[in-house]
Amino acid sequence: MSYADPQKQRAYHKQYHIRHRQRRLVAGRVRYAELSVEEKVWRGIIGRCYCKSGTPYPWYGAKGIGVCRRWRGKHGFKNFLADMGRRPGPKYVIDRKRSKEDYSRSNCQWATLKDAAQNCATTKMVTFAGKRMCLADWVKFLRGVSCRGKRK
């Protein structure tokens, strides 16, 4: 459809896109970019646990890690959001407190990337002088200490 007036043309296209988006929402088809951050996280959890063709499946679903029934099915995302709440900030990711257990309300939390990385099975934890830290944090801590034990 062509209009002589560019403003009318822009208005027509804007209304077309609004109607088209509403149709997709009613039909249940939504573009990934239009999803909330929390819904993307939830879909990622479901995908890595149950999508056998997905790249992360060998580290999650194949090892028996799943998602609690409450977070699956028709109202799964609503229940996930009710249990976990909104993401506190852009640097937060979903983290399982006990990495060998399923995703569930009692085992998940929003954590910073640094905290989540330290809760990984491959992280080496070292206890020295009553302090327990991961190896990388010990290196950072000890770099700031001189030979006499005083901070530089």
C-alpha atoms as a PDB file:
ATOM      1  CA  MET A   1       0.000   0.000   0.000  1.00  0.00           C
ATOM      2  CA  SER A   2       1.446   3.377  -0.894  1.00  0.00           C
ATOM      3  CA  TYR A   3       0.519   6.751   0.462  1.00  0.00           C
ATOM      4  CA  ALA A   4       1.477  10.143  -0.855  1.00  0.00           C
ATOM      5  CA  ASP A   5       1.880  11.431   2.696  1.00  0.00           C
ATOM      6  CA  PRO A   6       4.855   9.829   4.546  1.00  0.00           C
ATOM      7  CA  GLN A   7       3.207  10.479   7.944  1.00  0.00           C
ATOM      8  CA  LYS A   8       0.154   8.428   6.949  1.00  0.00           C
ATOM      9  CA  GLN A   9       2.437   5.665   5.706  1.00  0.00           C
ATOM     10  CA  ARG A  10       4.347   5.566   9.032  1.00  0.00           C
ATOM     11  CA  ALA A  11       1.070   5.563  10.978  1.00  0.00           C
ATOM     12  CA  TYR A  12      -0.260   2.674   8.868  1.00  0.00           C
ATOM     13  CA  HIS A  13       2.928   0.610   9.407  1.00  0.00           C
ATOM     14  CA  LYS A  14       2.900   1.328  13.151  1.00  0.00           C
ATOM     15  CA  GLN A  15      -0.705   0.127  13.447  1.00  0.00           C
ATOM     16  CA  TYR A  16       0.085  -2.927  11.302  1.00  0.00           C
ATOM     17  CA  HIS A  17       2.947  -3.944  13.601  1.00  0.00           C
ATOM     18  CA  ILE A  18       0.826  -3.426  16.726  1.00  0.00           C
ATOM     19  CA  ARG A  19      -1.985  -5.596  15.307  1.00  0.00           C
ATOM     20  CA  HIS A  20       0.492  -8.232  14.132  1.00  0.00           C
ATOM     21  CA  ARG A  21       2.156  -8.390  17.579  1.00  0.00           C
ATOM     22  CA  GLN A  22      -1.229  -8.737  19.281  1.00  0.00           C
ATOM     23  CA  ARG A  23      -2.090 -11.647  16.976  1.00  0.00           C
ATOM     24  CA  ARG A  24       1.195 -13.387  17.859  1.00  0.00           C
ATOM     25  CA  LEU A  25       0.559 -12.896  21.577  1.00  0.00           C
ATOM     26  CA  VAL A  26      -2.938 -14.359  21.300  1.00  0.00           C
ATOM     27  CA  ALA A  27      -1.646 -17.310  19.271  1.00  0.00           C
ATOM     28  CA  GLY A  28       1.140 -17.912  21.812  1.00  0.00           C
ATOM     29  CA  ARG A  29       3.938 -17.128  19.394  1.00  0.00           C
ATOM     30  CA  VAL A  30       6.263 -14.450  20.729  1.00  0.00           C
ATOM     31  CA  ARG A  31       9.685 -13.485  19.451  1.00  0.00           C
ATOM     32  CA  TYR A  32      12.518 -14.287  21.827  1.00  0.00           C
ATOM     33  CA  ALA A  33      13.514 -10.600  21.930  1.00  0.00           C
ATOM     34  CA  GLU A  34      10.028  -9.679  23.209  1.00  0.00           C
ATOM     35  CA  LEU A  35      10.276 -11.960  26.268  1.00  0.00           C
ATOM     36  CA  SER A  36      11.144 -10.656  29.722  1.00  0.00           C
ATOM     37  CA  VAL A  37      14.603 -11.421  31.082  1.00  0.00           C
ATOM     38  CA  GLU A  38      13.092 -13.756  33.657  1.00  0.00           C
ATOM     39  CA  GLU A  39      11.229 -15.704  30.987  1.00  0.00           C
ATOM     40  CA  LYS A  40      14.431 -16.082  28.969  1.00  0.00           C
ATOM     41  CA  VAL A  41      16.154 -17.457  32.086  1.00  0.00           C
ATOM     42  CA  TRP A  42      13.259 -19.861  32.720  1.00  0.00           C
ATOM     43  CA  ARG A  43      13.278 -21.072  29.100  1.00  0.00           C
ATOM     44  CA  GLY A  44      17.038 -21.582  29.359  1.00  0.00           C
ATOM     45  CA  ILE A  45      16.600 -23.748  32.452  1.00  0.00           C
ATOM     46  CA  ILE A  46      13.972 -25.895  30.748  1.00  0.00           C
ATOM     47  CA  GLY A  47      16.047 -26.145  27.562  1.00  0.00           C
ATOM     48  CA  ARG A  48      19.300 -27.240  29.156  1.00  0.00           C
ATOM     49  CA  CYS A  49      17.536 -29.905  31.208  1.00  0.00           C
ATOM     50  CA  TYR A  50      15.152 -31.373  28.599  1.00  0.00           C
ATOM     51  CA  CYS A  51      16.289 -30.425  25.065  1.00  0.00           C
ATOM     52  CA  LYS A  52      18.553 -33.321  24.054  1.00  0.00           C
ATOM     53  CA  SER A  53      19.812 -31.516  20.949  1.00  0.00           C
ATOM     54  CA  GLY A  54      20.898 -28.455  22.971  1.00  0.00           C
ATOM     55  CA  THR A  55      24.561 -27.740  23.599  1.00  0.00           C
ATOM     56  CA  PRO A  56      24.351 -27.627  27.447  1.00  0.00           C
ATOM     57  CA  TYR A  57      22.252 -30.824  27.735  1.00  0.00           C
ATOM     58  CA  PRO A  58      25.252 -33.127  28.478  1.00  0.00           C
ATOM     59  CA  TRP A  59      26.092 -31.035  31.572  1.00  0.00           C
ATOM     60  CA  TYR A  60      22.516 -30.851  32.880  1.00  0.00           C
ATOM     61  CA  GLY A  61      19.802 -33.176  31.556  1.00  0.00           C
ATOM     62  CA  ALA A  62      22.138 -36.058  30.741  1.00  0.00           C
ATOM     63  CA  LYS A  63      23.443 -35.956  34.331  1.00  0.00           C
ATOM     64  CA  GLY A  64      19.912 -36.275  35.687  1.00  0.00           C
ATOM     65  CA  ILE A  65      19.377 -32.620  36.579  1.00  0.00           C
ATOM     66  CA  GLY A  66      15.810 -31.541  35.985  1.00  0.00           C
ATOM     67  CA  VAL A  67      13.277 -28.889  36.917  1.00  0.00           C
ATOM     68  CA  CYS A  68      10.674 -29.270  39.667  1.00  0.00           C
ATOM     69  CA  ARG A  69       7.113 -29.985  38.503  1.00  0.00           C
ATOM     70  CA  ARG A  70       5.905 -26.615  39.769  1.00  0.00           C
ATOM     71  CA  TRP A  71       8.127 -24.811  37.233  1.00  0.00           C
ATOM     72  CA  ARG A  72       7.108 -26.991  34.276  1.00  0.00           C
ATOM     73  CA  GLY A  73       3.877 -27.159  32.312  1.00  0.00           C
ATOM     74  CA  LYS A  74       1.175 -24.643  31.534  1.00  0.00           C
ATOM     75  CA  HIS A  75       1.748 -22.303  34.492  1.00  0.00           C
ATOM     76  CA  GLY A  76       5.453 -23.057  34.891  1.00  0.00           C
ATOM     77  CA  PHE A  77       6.748 -19.565  34.200  1.00  0.00           C
ATOM     78  CA  LYS A  78       4.173 -17.906  36.481  1.00  0.00           C
ATOM     79  CA  ASN A  79       5.176 -20.257  39.295  1.00  0.00           C
ATOM     80  CA  PHE A  80       8.884 -19.670  38.606  1.00  0.00           C
ATOM     81  CA  LEU A  81       8.347 -15.914  38.775  1.00  0.00           C
ATOM     82  CA  ALA A  82       6.268 -16.192  41.961  1.00  0.00           C
ATOM     83  CA  ASP A  83       8.981 -18.301  43.632  1.00  0.00           C
ATOM     84  CA  MET A  84      12.093 -16.464  42.449  1.00  0.00           C
ATOM     85  CA  GLY A  85      10.840 -12.921  41.902  1.00  0.00           C
ATOM     86  CA  ARG A  86      12.258 -10.473  39.379  1.00  0.00           C
ATOM     87  CA  ARG A  87      15.964 -10.470  38.644  1.00  0.00           C
ATOM     88  CA  PRO A  88      17.601  -7.993  41.097  1.00  0.00           C
ATOM     89  CA  GLY A  89      19.872  -6.478  38.460  1.00  0.00           C
ATOM     90  CA  PRO A  90      21.549  -7.053  35.103  1.00  0.00           C
ATOM     91  CA  LYS A  91      24.586  -8.785  36.649  1.00  0.00           C
ATOM     92  CA  TYR A  92      22.489 -11.524  38.277  1.00  0.00           C
ATOM     93  CA  VAL A  93      21.953 -15.061  37.005  1.00  0.00           C
ATOM     94  CA  ILE A  94      20.024 -18.045  38.332  1.00  0.00           C
ATOM     95  CA  ASP A  95      22.211 -20.260  40.496  1.00  0.00           C
ATOM     96  CA  ARG A  96      21.626 -23.659  42.093  1.00  0.00           C
ATOM     97  CA  LYS A  97      22.873 -23.738  45.700  1.00  0.00           C
ATOM     98  CA  ARG A  98      23.661 -27.449  45.451  1.00  0.00           C
ATOM     99  CA  SER A  99      24.943 -28.074  41.931  1.00  0.00           C
ATOM    100  CA  LYS A 100      24.033 -31.787  41.850  1.00  0.00           C
ATOM    101  CA  GLU A 101      20.327 -31.210  42.596  1.00  0.00           C
ATOM    102  CA  ASP A 102      17.397 -30.119  40.423  1.00  0.00           C
ATOM    103  CA  TYR A 103      16.201 -26.594  39.787  1.00  0.00           C
ATOM    104  CA  SER A 104      13.586 -25.857  42.465  1.00  0.00           C
ATOM    105  CA  ARG A 105      12.444 -23.081  44.771  1.00  0.00           C
ATOM    106  CA  SER A 106      14.543 -24.377  47.684  1.00  0.00           C
ATOM    107  CA  ASN A 107      17.682 -24.934  45.586  1.00  0.00           C
ATOM    108  CA  CYS A 108      17.794 -21.778  43.433  1.00  0.00           C
ATOM    109  CA  GLN A 109      18.748 -18.178  44.024  1.00  0.00           C
ATOM    110  CA  TRP A 110      19.639 -15.061  42.063  1.00  0.00           C
ATOM    111  CA  ALA A 111      23.417 -14.634  42.314  1.00  0.00           C
ATOM    112  CA  THR A 112      26.056 -12.423  40.725  1.00  0.00           C
ATOM    113  CA  LEU A 113      28.165 -13.991  38.002  1.00  0.00           C
ATOM    114  CA  LYS A 114      31.140 -14.123  40.401  1.00  0.00           C
ATOM    115  CA  ASP A 115      29.151 -15.927  43.105  1.00  0.00           C
ATOM    116  CA  ALA A 116      27.648 -18.343  40.579  1.00  0.00           C
ATOM    117  CA  ALA A 117      31.094 -19.147  39.149  1.00  0.00           C
ATOM    118  CA  GLN A 118      32.384 -19.947  42.640  1.00  0.00           C
ATOM    119  CA  ASN A 119      29.476 -22.350  43.149  1.00  0.00           C
ATOM    120  CA  CYS A 120      30.620 -24.444  40.193  1.00  0.00           C
ATOM    121  CA  ALA A 121      31.765 -28.064  40.605  1.00  0.00           C
ATOM    122  CA  THR A 122      35.183 -27.249  39.100  1.00  0.00           C
ATOM    123  CA  THR A 123      35.986 -24.408  41.544  1.00  0.00           C
ATOM    124  CA  LYS A 124      38.831 -25.289  43.894  1.00  0.00           C
ATOM    125  CA  MET A 125      38.101 -24.169  47.461  1.00  0.00           C
ATOM    126  CA  VAL A 126      41.032 -23.740  49.860  1.00  0.00           C
ATOM    127  CA  THR A 127      40.867 -23.312  53.647  1.00  0.00           C
ATOM    128  CA  PHE A 128      43.830 -21.595  55.299  1.00  0.00           C
ATOM    129  CA  ALA A 129      44.066 -19.974  58.732  1.00  0.00           C
ATOM    130  CA  GLY A 130      40.344 -20.452  59.274  1.00  0.00           C
ATOM    131  CA  LYS A 131      39.393 -18.694  56.015  1.00  0.00           C
ATOM    132  CA  ARG A 132      37.725 -20.558  53.143  1.00  0.00           C
ATOM    133  CA  MET A 133      37.994 -18.996  49.687  1.00  0.00           C
ATOM    134  CA  CYS A 134      38.310 -20.177  46.121  1.00  0.00           C
ATOM    135  CA  LEU A 135      41.807 -20.385  44.701  1.00  0.00           C
ATOM    136  CA  ALA A 136      41.382 -17.271  42.536  1.00  0.00           C
ATOM    137  CA  ASP A 137      40.364 -15.184  45.569  1.00  0.00           C
ATOM    138  CA  TRP A 138      43.375 -16.445  47.522  1.00  0.00           C
ATOM    139  CA  VAL A 139      45.662 -15.329  44.696  1.00  0.00           C
ATOM    140  CA  LYS A 140      44.081 -11.847  44.709  1.00  0.00           C
ATOM    141  CA  PHE A 141      44.295 -11.704  48.495  1.00  0.00           C
ATOM    142  CA  LEU A 142      47.944 -12.781  48.649  1.00  0.00           C
ATOM    143  CA  ARG A 143      49.072 -10.428  45.870  1.00  0.00           C
ATOM    144  CA  GLY A 144      48.147  -7.548  48.142  1.00  0.00           C
ATOM    145  CA  VAL A 145      50.302  -8.875  50.990  1.00  0.00           C
ATOM    146  CA  SER A 146      54.024  -8.168  51.179  1.00  0.00           C
ATOM    147  CA  CYS A 147      56.638 -10.605  52.561  1.00  0.00           C
ATOM    148  CA  ARG A 148      56.264  -9.083  56.042  1.00  0.00           C
ATOM    149  CA  GLY A 149      52.508  -9.685  56.052  1.00  0.00           C
ATOM    150  CA  LYS A 150      51.536  -6.044  55.562  1.00  0.00           C
ATOM    151  CA  ARG A 151      49.416  -4.804  52.705  1.00  0.00           C
ATOM    152  CA  LYS A 152      51.289  -3.007  49.949  1.00  0.00           C
END
